[in-house]
Amino acid sequence: MNPTDLNALSRDALRGHPDAADCTLYRPDPGDPEEELDLGDGKVLIGAPFEPPQAWDAAEREAFFGDLAPERFVLARIVLDDAATEPVPGDVLAVSLANSDVQTYFVEDRQDQLYVLLRDEFDD
């Protein structure tokens, strides 16, 4: 799904979308780096691969991607059951796949209502 269509979805439309997956958001515990805080459940709709803005120069692209493969970055829309909770960079999103597996993503950035997620390479 393209970014414009993802942005246009209401919270209710995203929850009822046939491609939306169940997810749970976690945040590193500031008091214990070995633990994570469960911030709640929701739905996520993974969209198109992340395309950096045209205005980014080579240095900005390098700073964002580092040595990570650009194809691991995707755009997504996340709607949590608790509307007051918003994902922030550094959070971890566990996505329940149709085959009962779990795919882990790291929240890297936010652009309007969309999030840039990094697929965990260990889930491949």
PDB file of N, CA and C in Angstrom:
ATOM      1  N   MET A   1       0.845  -1.171   0.000  1.00  0.00           N
ATOM      2  CA  MET A   1       0.000   0.000   0.000  1.00  0.00           C
ATOM      3  C   MET A   1       0.890   1.233   0.000  1.00  0.00           C
ATOM      4  N   ASN A   2       0.539   2.215  -0.809  1.00  0.00           N
ATOM      5  CA  ASN A   2       1.383   3.406  -0.913  1.00  0.00           C
ATOM      6  C   ASN A   2       1.161   4.340   0.280  1.00  0.00           C
ATOM      7  N   PRO A   3       2.121   5.246   0.543  1.00  0.00           N
ATOM      8  CA  PRO A   3       2.052   6.119   1.715  1.00  0.00           C
ATOM      9  C   PRO A   3       0.801   6.994   1.767  1.00  0.00           C
ATOM     10  N   THR A   4       0.340   7.486   0.640  1.00  0.00           N
ATOM     11  CA  THR A   4      -0.848   8.336   0.625  1.00  0.00           C
ATOM     12  C   THR A   4      -2.071   7.568   1.100  1.00  0.00           C
ATOM     13  N   ASP A   5      -2.234   6.342   0.608  1.00  0.00           N
ATOM     14  CA  ASP A   5      -3.367   5.517   1.028  1.00  0.00           C
ATOM     15  C   ASP A   5      -3.273   5.138   2.502  1.00  0.00           C
ATOM     16  N   LEU A   6      -2.059   4.839   2.982  1.00  0.00           N
ATOM     17  CA  LEU A   6      -1.882   4.512   4.397  1.00  0.00           C
ATOM     18  C   LEU A   6      -2.267   5.691   5.276  1.00  0.00           C
ATOM     19  N   ASN A   7      -1.810   6.896   4.903  1.00  0.00           N
ATOM     20  CA  ASN A   7      -2.108   8.102   5.670  1.00  0.00           C
ATOM     21  C   ASN A   7      -3.596   8.400   5.694  1.00  0.00           C
ATOM     22  N   ALA A   8      -4.303   8.069   4.620  1.00  0.00           N
ATOM     23  CA  ALA A   8      -5.718   8.419   4.487  1.00  0.00           C
ATOM     24  C   ALA A   8      -6.637   7.524   5.309  1.00  0.00           C
ATOM     25  N   LEU A   9      -6.155   6.375   5.742  1.00  0.00           N
ATOM     26  CA  LEU A   9      -7.003   5.451   6.504  1.00  0.00           C
ATOM     27  C   LEU A   9      -7.342   6.015   7.876  1.00  0.00           C
ATOM     28  N   SER A  10      -8.595   5.907   8.250  1.00  0.00           N
ATOM     29  CA  SER A  10      -8.988   6.259   9.612  1.00  0.00           C
ATOM     30  C   SER A  10      -8.529   5.133  10.545  1.00  0.00           C
ATOM     31  N   ARG A  11      -8.575   5.408  11.837  1.00  0.00           N
ATOM     32  CA  ARG A  11      -8.214   4.374  12.819  1.00  0.00           C
ATOM     33  C   ARG A  11      -9.113   3.150  12.652  1.00  0.00           C
ATOM     34  N   ASP A  12     -10.420   3.390  12.503  1.00  0.00           N
ATOM     35  CA  ASP A  12     -11.363   2.279  12.363  1.00  0.00           C
ATOM     36  C   ASP A  12     -11.142   1.509  11.067  1.00  0.00           C
ATOM     37  N   ALA A  13     -10.859   2.235   9.982  1.00  0.00           N
ATOM     38  CA  ALA A  13     -10.617   1.565   8.700  1.00  0.00           C
ATOM     39  C   ALA A  13      -9.367   0.694   8.779  1.00  0.00           C
ATOM     40  N   LEU A  14      -8.346   1.189   9.463  1.00  0.00           N
ATOM     41  CA  LEU A  14      -7.129   0.382   9.598  1.00  0.00           C
ATOM     42  C   LEU A  14      -7.414  -0.874  10.417  1.00  0.00           C
ATOM     43  N   ARG A  15      -8.151  -0.727  11.509  1.00  0.00           N
ATOM     44  CA  ARG A  15      -8.471  -1.889  12.350  1.00  0.00           C
ATOM     45  C   ARG A  15      -9.226  -2.958  11.565  1.00  0.00           C
ATOM     46  N   GLY A  16     -10.066  -2.539  10.633  1.00  0.00           N
ATOM     47  CA  GLY A  16     -10.855  -3.495   9.868  1.00  0.00           C
ATOM     48  C   GLY A  16     -10.245  -3.906   8.550  1.00  0.00           C
ATOM     49  N   HIS A  17      -9.075  -3.378   8.222  1.00  0.00           N
ATOM     50  CA  HIS A  17      -8.439  -3.692   6.943  1.00  0.00           C
ATOM     51  C   HIS A  17      -8.037  -5.171   6.913  1.00  0.00           C
ATOM     52  N   PRO A  18      -8.309  -5.865   5.812  1.00  0.00           N
ATOM     53  CA  PRO A  18      -8.002  -7.304   5.764  1.00  0.00           C
ATOM     54  C   PRO A  18      -6.509  -7.631   5.848  1.00  0.00           C
ATOM     55  N   ASP A  19      -5.646  -6.678   5.528  1.00  0.00           N
ATOM     56  CA  ASP A  19      -4.206  -6.934   5.600  1.00  0.00           C
ATOM     57  C   ASP A  19      -3.576  -6.454   6.907  1.00  0.00           C
ATOM     58  N   ALA A  20      -4.361  -5.848   7.789  1.00  0.00           N
ATOM     59  CA  ALA A  20      -3.821  -5.377   9.064  1.00  0.00           C
ATOM     60  C   ALA A  20      -3.526  -6.575   9.962  1.00  0.00           C
ATOM     61  N   ALA A  21      -2.387  -6.526  10.624  1.00  0.00           N
ATOM     62  CA  ALA A  21      -1.961  -7.621  11.507  1.00  0.00           C
ATOM     63  C   ALA A  21      -2.017  -7.176  12.965  1.00  0.00           C
ATOM     64  N   ASP A  22      -2.232  -8.126  13.838  1.00  0.00           N
ATOM     65  CA  ASP A  22      -2.163  -7.849  15.272  1.00  0.00           C
ATOM     66  C   ASP A  22      -0.717  -7.543  15.636  1.00  0.00           C
ATOM     67  N   CYS A  23      -0.543  -6.660  16.610  1.00  0.00           N
ATOM     68  CA  CYS A  23       0.809  -6.316  17.034  1.00  0.00           C
ATOM     69  C   CYS A  23       0.815  -5.940  18.512  1.00  0.00           C
ATOM     70  N   THR A  24       1.997  -5.957  19.091  1.00  0.00           N
ATOM     71  CA  THR A  24       2.216  -5.504  20.466  1.00  0.00           C
ATOM     72  C   THR A  24       3.434  -4.590  20.435  1.00  0.00           C
ATOM     73  N   LEU A  25       3.306  -3.443  21.115  1.00  0.00           N
ATOM     74  CA  LEU A  25       4.386  -2.467  21.163  1.00  0.00           C
ATOM     75  C   LEU A  25       5.127  -2.580  22.485  1.00  0.00           C
ATOM     76  N   TYR A  26       6.439  -2.579  22.411  1.00  0.00           N
ATOM     77  CA  TYR A  26       7.293  -2.645  23.587  1.00  0.00           C
ATOM     78  C   TYR A  26       8.263  -1.468  23.574  1.00  0.00           C
ATOM     79  N   ARG A  27       8.645  -1.020  24.782  1.00  0.00           N
ATOM     80  CA  ARG A  27       9.632   0.049  24.917  1.00  0.00           C
ATOM     81  C   ARG A  27      10.693  -0.415  25.897  1.00  0.00           C
ATOM     82  N   PRO A  28      11.961  -0.167  25.587  1.00  0.00           N
ATOM     83  CA  PRO A  28      13.009  -0.531  26.546  1.00  0.00           C
ATOM     84  C   PRO A  28      12.733   0.113  27.916  1.00  0.00           C
ATOM     85  N   ASP A  29      12.914  -0.670  28.970  1.00  0.00           N
ATOM     86  CA  ASP A  29      12.702  -0.179  30.329  1.00  0.00           C
ATOM     87  C   ASP A  29      13.880   0.710  30.710  1.00  0.00           C
ATOM     88  N   PRO A  30      13.622   1.997  30.995  1.00  0.00           N
ATOM     89  CA  PRO A  30      14.743   2.884  31.338  1.00  0.00           C
ATOM     90  C   PRO A  30      15.454   2.483  32.621  1.00  0.00           C
ATOM     91  N   GLY A  31      14.785   1.731  33.490  1.00  0.00           N
ATOM     92  CA  GLY A  31      15.402   1.295  34.744  1.00  0.00           C
ATOM     93  C   GLY A  31      16.166  -0.001  34.633  1.00  0.00           C
ATOM     94  N   ASP A  32      15.939  -0.744  33.553  1.00  0.00           N
ATOM     95  CA  ASP A  32      16.597  -2.037  33.373  1.00  0.00           C
ATOM     96  C   ASP A  32      16.740  -2.310  31.877  1.00  0.00           C
ATOM     97  N   PRO A  33      17.926  -2.083  31.318  1.00  0.00           N
ATOM     98  CA  PRO A  33      18.114  -2.238  29.871  1.00  0.00           C
ATOM     99  C   PRO A  33      17.877  -3.652  29.355  1.00  0.00           C
ATOM    100  N   GLU A  34      17.795  -4.630  30.246  1.00  0.00           N
ATOM    101  CA  GLU A  34      17.532  -6.010  29.838  1.00  0.00           C
ATOM    102  C   GLU A  34      16.036  -6.301  29.718  1.00  0.00           C
ATOM    103  N   GLU A  35      15.198  -5.366  30.142  1.00  0.00           N
ATOM    104  CA  GLU A  35      13.754  -5.568  30.171  1.00  0.00           C
ATOM    105  C   GLU A  35      13.050  -4.601  29.216  1.00  0.00           C
ATOM    106  N   GLU A  36      11.804  -4.964  28.853  1.00  0.00           N
ATOM    107  CA  GLU A  36      10.982  -4.100  28.014  1.00  0.00           C
ATOM    108  C   GLU A  36       9.632  -3.906  28.680  1.00  0.00           C
ATOM    109  N   LEU A  37       9.056  -2.723  28.484  1.00  0.00           N
ATOM    110  CA  LEU A  37       7.724  -2.423  28.979  1.00  0.00           C
ATOM    111  C   LEU A  37       6.713  -2.734  27.889  1.00  0.00           C
ATOM    112  N   ASP A  38       5.663  -3.447  28.227  1.00  0.00           N
ATOM    113  CA  ASP A  38       4.589  -3.773  27.289  1.00  0.00           C
ATOM    114  C   ASP A  38       3.661  -2.558  27.235  1.00  0.00           C
ATOM    115  N   LEU A  39       3.604  -1.884  26.075  1.00  0.00           N
ATOM    116  CA  LEU A  39       2.778  -0.691  25.928  1.00  0.00           C
ATOM    117  C   LEU A  39       1.402  -0.987  25.362  1.00  0.00           C
ATOM    118  N   GLY A  40       1.149  -2.215  25.012  1.00  0.00           N
ATOM    119  CA  GLY A  40      -0.184  -2.584  24.578  1.00  0.00           C
ATOM    120  C   GLY A  40      -0.258  -3.143  23.176  1.00  0.00           C
ATOM    121  N   ASP A  41      -1.462  -3.577  22.854  1.00  0.00           N
ATOM    122  CA  ASP A  41      -1.739  -4.227  21.578  1.00  0.00           C
ATOM    123  C   ASP A  41      -2.386  -3.252  20.604  1.00  0.00           C
ATOM    124  N   GLY A  42      -2.426  -3.669  19.355  1.00  0.00           N
ATOM    125  CA  GLY A  42      -3.066  -2.870  18.330  1.00  0.00           C
ATOM    126  C   GLY A  42      -3.028  -3.581  16.998  1.00  0.00           C
ATOM    127  N   LYS A  43      -3.089  -2.778  15.966  1.00  0.00           N
ATOM    128  CA  LYS A  43      -3.042  -3.281  14.587  1.00  0.00           C
ATOM    129  C   LYS A  43      -1.973  -2.501  13.834  1.00  0.00           C
ATOM    130  N   VAL A  44      -1.358  -3.172  12.881  1.00  0.00           N
ATOM    131  CA  VAL A  44      -0.371  -2.536  12.018  1.00  0.00           C
ATOM    132  C   VAL A  44      -0.654  -2.940  10.585  1.00  0.00           C
ATOM    133  N   LEU A  45      -0.457  -1.994   9.694  1.00  0.00           N
ATOM    134  CA  LEU A  45      -0.582  -2.255   8.267  1.00  0.00           C
ATOM    135  C   LEU A  45       0.743  -1.848   7.636  1.00  0.00           C
ATOM    136  N   ILE A  46       1.475  -2.850   7.176  1.00  0.00           N
ATOM    137  CA  ILE A  46       2.770  -2.618   6.546  1.00  0.00           C
ATOM    138  C   ILE A  46       2.517  -2.173   5.111  1.00  0.00           C
ATOM    139  N   GLY A  47       3.161  -1.092   4.723  1.00  0.00           N
ATOM    140  CA  GLY A  47       2.964  -0.554   3.388  1.00  0.00           C
ATOM    141  C   GLY A  47       4.170  -0.789   2.504  1.00  0.00           C
ATOM    142  N   ALA A  48       4.503   0.221   1.763  1.00  0.00           N
ATOM    143  CA  ALA A  48       5.587   0.164   0.786  1.00  0.00           C
ATOM    144  C   ALA A  48       6.947   0.217   1.474  1.00  0.00           C
ATOM    145  N   PRO A  49       7.979  -0.201   0.762  1.00  0.00           N
ATOM    146  CA  PRO A  49       9.335   0.002   1.285  1.00  0.00           C
ATOM    147  C   PRO A  49       9.575   1.494   1.515  1.00  0.00           C
ATOM    148  N   PHE A  50      10.381   1.811   2.505  1.00  0.00           N
ATOM    149  CA  PHE A  50      10.703   3.202   2.809  1.00  0.00           C
ATOM    150  C   PHE A  50      11.600   3.771   1.724  1.00  0.00           C
ATOM    151  N   GLU A  51      11.201   4.902   1.191  1.00  0.00           N
ATOM    152  CA  GLU A  51      12.006   5.638   0.217  1.00  0.00           C
ATOM    153  C   GLU A  51      12.431   6.937   0.873  1.00  0.00           C
ATOM    154  N   PRO A  52      13.723   7.170   1.022  1.00  0.00           N
ATOM    155  CA  PRO A  52      14.154   8.417   1.656  1.00  0.00           C
ATOM    156  C   PRO A  52      13.701   9.624   0.831  1.00  0.00           C
ATOM    157  N   PRO A  53      13.457  10.744   1.488  1.00  0.00           N
ATOM    158  CA  PRO A  53      13.052  11.952   0.762  1.00  0.00           C
ATOM    159  C   PRO A  53      14.071  12.332  -0.313  1.00  0.00           C
ATOM    160  N   GLN A  54      13.566  12.863  -1.410  1.00  0.00           N
ATOM    161  CA  GLN A  54      14.431  13.286  -2.517  1.00  0.00           C
ATOM    162  C   GLN A  54      15.466  14.319  -2.074  1.00  0.00           C
ATOM    163  N   ALA A  55      15.116  15.090  -1.052  1.00  0.00           N
ATOM    164  CA  ALA A  55      16.009  16.158  -0.585  1.00  0.00           C
ATOM    165  C   ALA A  55      17.233  15.634   0.161  1.00  0.00           C
ATOM    166  N   TRP A  56      17.209  14.356   0.564  1.00  0.00           N
ATOM    167  CA  TRP A  56      18.352  13.817   1.294  1.00  0.00           C
ATOM    168  C   TRP A  56      19.547  13.664   0.360  1.00  0.00           C
ATOM    169  N   ASP A  57      20.695  14.126   0.822  1.00  0.00           N
ATOM    170  CA  ASP A  57      21.921  13.906   0.053  1.00  0.00           C
ATOM    171  C   ASP A  57      22.553  12.585   0.513  1.00  0.00           C
ATOM    172  N   ALA A  58      23.678  12.253  -0.071  1.00  0.00           N
ATOM    173  CA  ALA A  58      24.338  10.970   0.233  1.00  0.00           C
ATOM    174  C   ALA A  58      24.697  10.848   1.716  1.00  0.00           C
ATOM    175  N   ALA A  59      25.140  11.943   2.313  1.00  0.00           N
ATOM    176  CA  ALA A  59      25.514  11.905   3.729  1.00  0.00           C
ATOM    177  C   ALA A  59      24.301  11.635   4.618  1.00  0.00           C
ATOM    178  N   GLU A  60      23.159  12.224   4.289  1.00  0.00           N
ATOM    179  CA  GLU A  60      21.943  11.993   5.074  1.00  0.00           C
ATOM    180  C   GLU A  60      21.469  10.551   4.925  1.00  0.00           C
ATOM    181  N   ARG A  61      21.557  10.031   3.709  1.00  0.00           N
ATOM    182  CA  ARG A  61      21.182   8.631   3.493  1.00  0.00           C
ATOM    183  C   ARG A  61      22.098   7.698   4.284  1.00  0.00           C
ATOM    184  N   GLU A  62      23.377   7.976   4.246  1.00  0.00           N
ATOM    185  CA  GLU A  62      24.352   7.168   4.981  1.00  0.00           C
ATOM    186  C   GLU A  62      24.091   7.242   6.482  1.00  0.00           C
ATOM    187  N   ALA A  63      23.773   8.438   6.975  1.00  0.00           N
ATOM    188  CA  ALA A  63      23.507   8.605   8.405  1.00  0.00           C
ATOM    189  C   ALA A  63      22.260   7.817   8.825  1.00  0.00           C
ATOM    190  N   PHE A  64      21.256   7.763   7.955  1.00  0.00           N
ATOM    191  CA  PHE A  64      20.022   7.055   8.303  1.00  0.00           C
ATOM    192  C   PHE A  64      20.195   5.544   8.186  1.00  0.00           C
ATOM    193  N   PHE A  65      20.688   5.075   7.041  1.00  0.00           N
ATOM    194  CA  PHE A  65      20.776   3.635   6.792  1.00  0.00           C
ATOM    195  C   PHE A  65      22.010   2.990   7.412  1.00  0.00           C
ATOM    196  N   GLY A  66      23.095   3.750   7.541  1.00  0.00           N
ATOM    197  CA  GLY A  66      24.334   3.162   8.039  1.00  0.00           C
ATOM    198  C   GLY A  66      24.733   2.004   7.156  1.00  0.00           C
ATOM    199  N   ASP A  67      25.075   0.868   7.756  1.00  0.00           N
ATOM    200  CA  ASP A  67      25.458  -0.306   6.974  1.00  0.00           C
ATOM    201  C   ASP A  67      24.299  -1.302   6.834  1.00  0.00           C
ATOM    202  N   LEU A  68      23.076  -0.836   7.122  1.00  0.00           N
ATOM    203  CA  LEU A  68      21.898  -1.702   7.026  1.00  0.00           C
ATOM    204  C   LEU A  68      21.337  -1.684   5.612  1.00  0.00           C
ATOM    205  N   ALA A  69      20.800  -2.800   5.180  1.00  0.00           N
ATOM    206  CA  ALA A  69      20.220  -2.915   3.839  1.00  0.00           C
ATOM    207  C   ALA A  69      18.937  -2.083   3.766  1.00  0.00           C
ATOM    208  N   PRO A  70      18.840  -1.163   2.815  1.00  0.00           N
ATOM    209  CA  PRO A  70      17.648  -0.313   2.705  1.00  0.00           C
ATOM    210  C   PRO A  70      16.348  -1.086   2.545  1.00  0.00           C
ATOM    211  N   GLU A  71      16.392  -2.284   1.972  1.00  0.00           N
ATOM    212  CA  GLU A  71      15.157  -3.043   1.779  1.00  0.00           C
ATOM    213  C   GLU A  71      14.562  -3.578   3.090  1.00  0.00           C
ATOM    214  N   ARG A  72      15.293  -3.470   4.193  1.00  0.00           N
ATOM    215  CA  ARG A  72      14.752  -3.880   5.494  1.00  0.00           C
ATOM    216  C   ARG A  72      13.848  -2.808   6.106  1.00  0.00           C
ATOM    217  N   PHE A  73      13.816  -1.610   5.510  1.00  0.00           N
ATOM    218  CA  PHE A  73      13.021  -0.504   6.027  1.00  0.00           C
ATOM    219  C   PHE A  73      11.689  -0.426   5.287  1.00  0.00           C
ATOM    220  N   VAL A  74      10.604  -0.315   6.046  1.00  0.00           N
ATOM    221  CA  VAL A  74       9.268  -0.229   5.461  1.00  0.00           C
ATOM    222  C   VAL A  74       8.485   0.895   6.131  1.00  0.00           C
ATOM    223  N   LEU A  75       7.463   1.349   5.421  1.00  0.00           N
ATOM    224  CA  LEU A  75       6.508   2.292   6.002  1.00  0.00           C
ATOM    225  C   LEU A  75       5.341   1.507   6.560  1.00  0.00           C
ATOM    226  N   ALA A  76       4.792   1.966   7.666  1.00  0.00           N
ATOM    227  CA  ALA A  76       3.663   1.278   8.276  1.00  0.00           C
ATOM    228  C   ALA A  76       2.781   2.276   9.002  1.00  0.00           C
ATOM    229  N   ARG A  77       1.562   1.885   9.170  1.00  0.00           N
ATOM    230  CA  ARG A  77       0.615   2.652   9.989  1.00  0.00           C
ATOM    231  C   ARG A  77       0.290   1.773  11.176  1.00  0.00           C
ATOM    232  N   ILE A  78       0.399   2.329  12.373  1.00  0.00           N
ATOM    233  CA  ILE A  78       0.172   1.594  13.612  1.00  0.00           C
ATOM    234  C   ILE A  78      -0.972   2.260  14.368  1.00  0.00           C
ATOM    235  N   VAL A  79      -1.929   1.461  14.798  1.00  0.00           N
ATOM    236  CA  VAL A  79      -3.023   1.944  15.630  1.00  0.00           C
ATOM    237  C   VAL A  79      -3.059   1.065  16.869  1.00  0.00           C
ATOM    238  N   LEU A  80      -2.826   1.675  18.013  1.00  0.00           N
ATOM    239  CA  LEU A  80      -2.837   0.923  19.269  1.00  0.00           C
ATOM    240  C   LEU A  80      -4.200   1.017  19.932  1.00  0.00           C
ATOM    241  N   ASP A  81      -4.542   0.006  20.728  1.00  0.00           N
ATOM    242  CA  ASP A  81      -5.817  -0.003  21.441  1.00  0.00           C
ATOM    243  C   ASP A  81      -5.930   1.209  22.360  1.00  0.00           C
ATOM    244  N   ASP A  82      -4.832   1.586  23.000  1.00  0.00           N
ATOM    245  CA  ASP A  82      -4.787   2.782  23.836  1.00  0.00           C
ATOM    246  C   ASP A  82      -4.362   3.945  22.947  1.00  0.00           C
ATOM    247  N   ALA A  83      -5.329   4.756  22.534  1.00  0.00           N
ATOM    248  CA  ALA A  83      -5.058   5.852  21.585  1.00  0.00           C
ATOM    249  C   ALA A  83      -4.093   6.888  22.145  1.00  0.00           C
ATOM    250  N   ALA A  84      -3.897   6.912  23.458  1.00  0.00           N
ATOM    251  CA  ALA A  84      -2.984   7.886  24.059  1.00  0.00           C
ATOM    252  C   ALA A  84      -1.522   7.463  23.925  1.00  0.00           C
ATOM    253  N   THR A  85      -1.283   6.208  23.590  1.00  0.00           N
ATOM    254  CA  THR A  85       0.087   5.704  23.448  1.00  0.00           C
ATOM    255  C   THR A  85       0.523   5.845  21.998  1.00  0.00           C
ATOM    256  N   GLU A  86       1.663   6.459  21.800  1.00  0.00           N
ATOM    257  CA  GLU A  86       2.230   6.635  20.461  1.00  0.00           C
ATOM    258  C   GLU A  86       3.597   5.965  20.398  1.00  0.00           C
ATOM    259  N   PRO A  87       3.858   5.189  19.353  1.00  0.00           N
ATOM    260  CA  PRO A  87       5.199   4.632  19.176  1.00  0.00           C
ATOM    261  C   PRO A  87       6.224   5.756  18.977  1.00  0.00           C
ATOM    262  N   VAL A  88       7.425   5.535  19.485  1.00  0.00           N
ATOM    263  CA  VAL A  88       8.525   6.477  19.310  1.00  0.00           C
ATOM    264  C   VAL A  88       9.752   5.702  18.844  1.00  0.00           C
ATOM    265  N   PRO A  89      10.686   6.392  18.181  1.00  0.00           N
ATOM    266  CA  PRO A  89      11.916   5.705  17.782  1.00  0.00           C
ATOM    267  C   PRO A  89      12.572   5.011  18.982  1.00  0.00           C
ATOM    268  N   GLY A  90      12.977   3.781  18.754  1.00  0.00           N
ATOM    269  CA  GLY A  90      13.562   2.957  19.805  1.00  0.00           C
ATOM    270  C   GLY A  90      12.615   1.886  20.312  1.00  0.00           C
ATOM    271  N   ASP A  91      11.311   2.071  20.046  1.00  0.00           N
ATOM    272  CA  ASP A  91      10.331   1.059  20.440  1.00  0.00           C
ATOM    273  C   ASP A  91      10.472  -0.173  19.556  1.00  0.00           C
ATOM    274  N   VAL A  92       9.935  -1.281  20.029  1.00  0.00           N
ATOM    275  CA  VAL A  92       9.958  -2.549  19.315  1.00  0.00           C
ATOM    276  C   VAL A  92       8.517  -2.979  19.056  1.00  0.00           C
ATOM    277  N   LEU A  93       8.233  -3.378  17.825  1.00  0.00           N
ATOM    278  CA  LEU A  93       6.901  -3.812  17.442  1.00  0.00           C
ATOM    279  C   LEU A  93       6.950  -5.291  17.084  1.00  0.00           C
ATOM    280  N   ALA A  94       6.189  -6.097  17.807  1.00  0.00           N
ATOM    281  CA  ALA A  94       6.070  -7.530  17.518  1.00  0.00           C
ATOM    282  C   ALA A  94       4.785  -7.725  16.726  1.00  0.00           C
ATOM    283  N   VAL A  95       4.928  -8.214  15.491  1.00  0.00           N
ATOM    284  CA  VAL A  95       3.797  -8.361  14.579  1.00  0.00           C
ATOM    285  C   VAL A  95       3.466  -9.842  14.429  1.00  0.00           C
ATOM    286  N   SER A  96       2.198 -10.173  14.673  1.00  0.00           N
ATOM    287  CA  SER A  96       1.732 -11.555  14.520  1.00  0.00           C
ATOM    288  C   SER A  96       1.397 -11.803  13.056  1.00  0.00           C
ATOM    289  N   LEU A  97       2.088 -12.754  12.447  1.00  0.00           N
ATOM    290  CA  LEU A  97       1.873 -13.076  11.039  1.00  0.00           C
ATOM    291  C   LEU A  97       0.780 -14.125  10.894  1.00  0.00           C
ATOM    292  N   ALA A  98       0.235 -14.238   9.703  1.00  0.00           N
ATOM    293  CA  ALA A  98      -0.863 -15.174   9.430  1.00  0.00           C
ATOM    294  C   ALA A  98      -0.479 -16.623   9.737  1.00  0.00           C
ATOM    295  N   ASN A  99       0.805 -16.963   9.605  1.00  0.00           N
ATOM    296  CA  ASN A  99       1.249 -18.338   9.852  1.00  0.00           C
ATOM    297  C   ASN A  99       1.595 -18.586  11.323  1.00  0.00           C
ATOM    298  N   SER A 100       1.207 -17.661  12.196  1.00  0.00           N
ATOM    299  CA  SER A 100       1.430 -17.727  13.649  1.00  0.00           C
ATOM    300  C   SER A 100       2.850 -17.379  14.068  1.00  0.00           C
ATOM    301  N   ASP A 101       3.730 -17.046  13.124  1.00  0.00           N
ATOM    302  CA  ASP A 101       5.057 -16.562  13.475  1.00  0.00           C
ATOM    303  C   ASP A 101       4.953 -15.107  13.934  1.00  0.00           C
ATOM    304  N   VAL A 102       6.021 -14.622  14.549  1.00  0.00           N
ATOM    305  CA  VAL A 102       6.089 -13.226  14.966  1.00  0.00           C
ATOM    306  C   VAL A 102       7.274 -12.585  14.264  1.00  0.00           C
ATOM    307  N   GLN A 103       7.042 -11.442  13.634  1.00  0.00           N
ATOM    308  CA  GLN A 103       8.092 -10.655  12.976  1.00  0.00           C
ATOM    309  C   GLN A 103       8.343  -9.430  13.838  1.00  0.00           C
ATOM    310  N   THR A 104       9.586  -9.174  14.154  1.00  0.00           N
ATOM    311  CA  THR A 104       9.943  -8.036  14.986  1.00  0.00           C
ATOM    312  C   THR A 104      10.431  -6.883  14.120  1.00  0.00           C
ATOM    313  N   TYR A 105       9.981  -5.682  14.466  1.00  0.00           N
ATOM    314  CA  TYR A 105      10.406  -4.453  13.802  1.00  0.00           C
ATOM    315  C   TYR A 105      10.836  -3.453  14.862  1.00  0.00           C
ATOM    316  N   PHE A 106      11.770  -2.597  14.497  1.00  0.00           N
ATOM    317  CA  PHE A 106      12.202  -1.506  15.357  1.00  0.00           C
ATOM    318  C   PHE A 106      11.643  -0.213  14.775  1.00  0.00           C
ATOM    319  N   VAL A 107      11.052   0.615  15.626  1.00  0.00           N
ATOM    320  CA  VAL A 107      10.538   1.905  15.178  1.00  0.00           C
ATOM    321  C   VAL A 107      11.737   2.841  15.019  1.00  0.00           C
ATOM    322  N   GLU A 108      11.944   3.311  13.792  1.00  0.00           N
ATOM    323  CA  GLU A 108      13.097   4.158  13.476  1.00  0.00           C
ATOM    324  C   GLU A 108      12.755   5.637  13.357  1.00  0.00           C
ATOM    325  N   ASP A 109      11.546   5.940  12.848  1.00  0.00           N
ATOM    326  CA  ASP A 109      11.197   7.327  12.571  1.00  0.00           C
ATOM    327  C   ASP A 109       9.688   7.429  12.419  1.00  0.00           C
ATOM    328  N   ARG A 110       9.199   8.667  12.461  1.00  0.00           N
ATOM    329  CA  ARG A 110       7.778   8.926  12.226  1.00  0.00           C
ATOM    330  C   ARG A 110       7.657  10.054  11.214  1.00  0.00           C
ATOM    331  N   GLN A 111       6.752   9.859  10.260  1.00  0.00           N
ATOM    332  CA  GLN A 111       6.465  10.859   9.245  1.00  0.00           C
ATOM    333  C   GLN A 111       4.959  10.980   9.139  1.00  0.00           C
ATOM    334  N   ASP A 112       4.398  12.052   9.669  1.00  0.00           N
ATOM    335  CA  ASP A 112       2.948  12.229   9.777  1.00  0.00           C
ATOM    336  C   ASP A 112       2.384  11.065  10.588  1.00  0.00           C
ATOM    337  N   GLN A 113       1.444  10.324  10.015  1.00  0.00           N
ATOM    338  CA  GLN A 113       0.854   9.185  10.720  1.00  0.00           C
ATOM    339  C   GLN A 113       1.583   7.883  10.416  1.00  0.00           C
ATOM    340  N   LEU A 114       2.616   7.963   9.588  1.00  0.00           N
ATOM    341  CA  LEU A 114       3.341   6.757   9.187  1.00  0.00           C
ATOM    342  C   LEU A 114       4.619   6.602  10.001  1.00  0.00           C
ATOM    343  N   TYR A 115       5.005   5.351  10.157  1.00  0.00           N
ATOM    344  CA  TYR A 115       6.232   5.029  10.871  1.00  0.00           C
ATOM    345  C   TYR A 115       7.186   4.330   9.921  1.00  0.00           C
ATOM    346  N   VAL A 116       8.464   4.625  10.077  1.00  0.00           N
ATOM    347  CA  VAL A 116       9.499   3.901   9.364  1.00  0.00           C
ATOM    348  C   VAL A 116       9.955   2.796  10.314  1.00  0.00           C
ATOM    349  N   LEU A 117       9.778   1.560   9.864  1.00  0.00           N
ATOM    350  CA  LEU A 117      10.146   0.399  10.668  1.00  0.00           C
ATOM    351  C   LEU A 117      11.326  -0.321  10.042  1.00  0.00           C
ATOM    352  N   LEU A 118      12.170  -0.873  10.878  1.00  0.00           N
ATOM    353  CA  LEU A 118      13.314  -1.675  10.455  1.00  0.00           C
ATOM    354  C   LEU A 118      13.042  -3.115  10.839  1.00  0.00           C
ATOM    355  N   ARG A 119      12.946  -3.990   9.843  1.00  0.00           N
ATOM    356  CA  ARG A 119      12.713  -5.415  10.084  1.00  0.00           C
ATOM    357  C   ARG A 119      13.943  -6.019  10.763  1.00  0.00           C
ATOM    358  N   ASP A 120      13.715  -6.746  11.841  1.00  0.00           N
ATOM    359  CA  ASP A 120      14.790  -7.409  12.568  1.00  0.00           C
ATOM    360  C   ASP A 120      15.404  -8.488  11.685  1.00  0.00           C
ATOM    361  N   GLU A 121      16.688  -8.404  11.458  1.00  0.00           N
ATOM    362  CA  GLU A 121      17.361  -9.362  10.585  1.00  0.00           C
ATOM    363  C   GLU A 121      17.370 -10.772  11.147  1.00  0.00           C
ATOM    364  N   PHE A 122      17.205 -10.928  12.447  1.00  0.00           N
ATOM    365  CA  PHE A 122      17.239 -12.263  13.056  1.00  0.00           C
ATOM    366  C   PHE A 122      15.931 -12.997  12.865  1.00  0.00           C
ATOM    367  N   ASP A 123      14.889 -12.293  12.395  1.00  0.00           N
ATOM    368  CA  ASP A 123      13.611 -12.938  12.120  1.00  0.00           C
ATOM    369  C   ASP A 123      13.542 -13.472  10.702  1.00  0.00           C
ATOM    370  N   ASP A 124      14.534 -13.191   9.884  1.00  0.00           N
ATOM    371  CA  ASP A 124      14.521 -13.633   8.477  1.00  0.00           C
ATOM    372  C   ASP A 124      14.735 -15.127   8.354  1.00  0.00           C
TER     373      ASP A 124
END
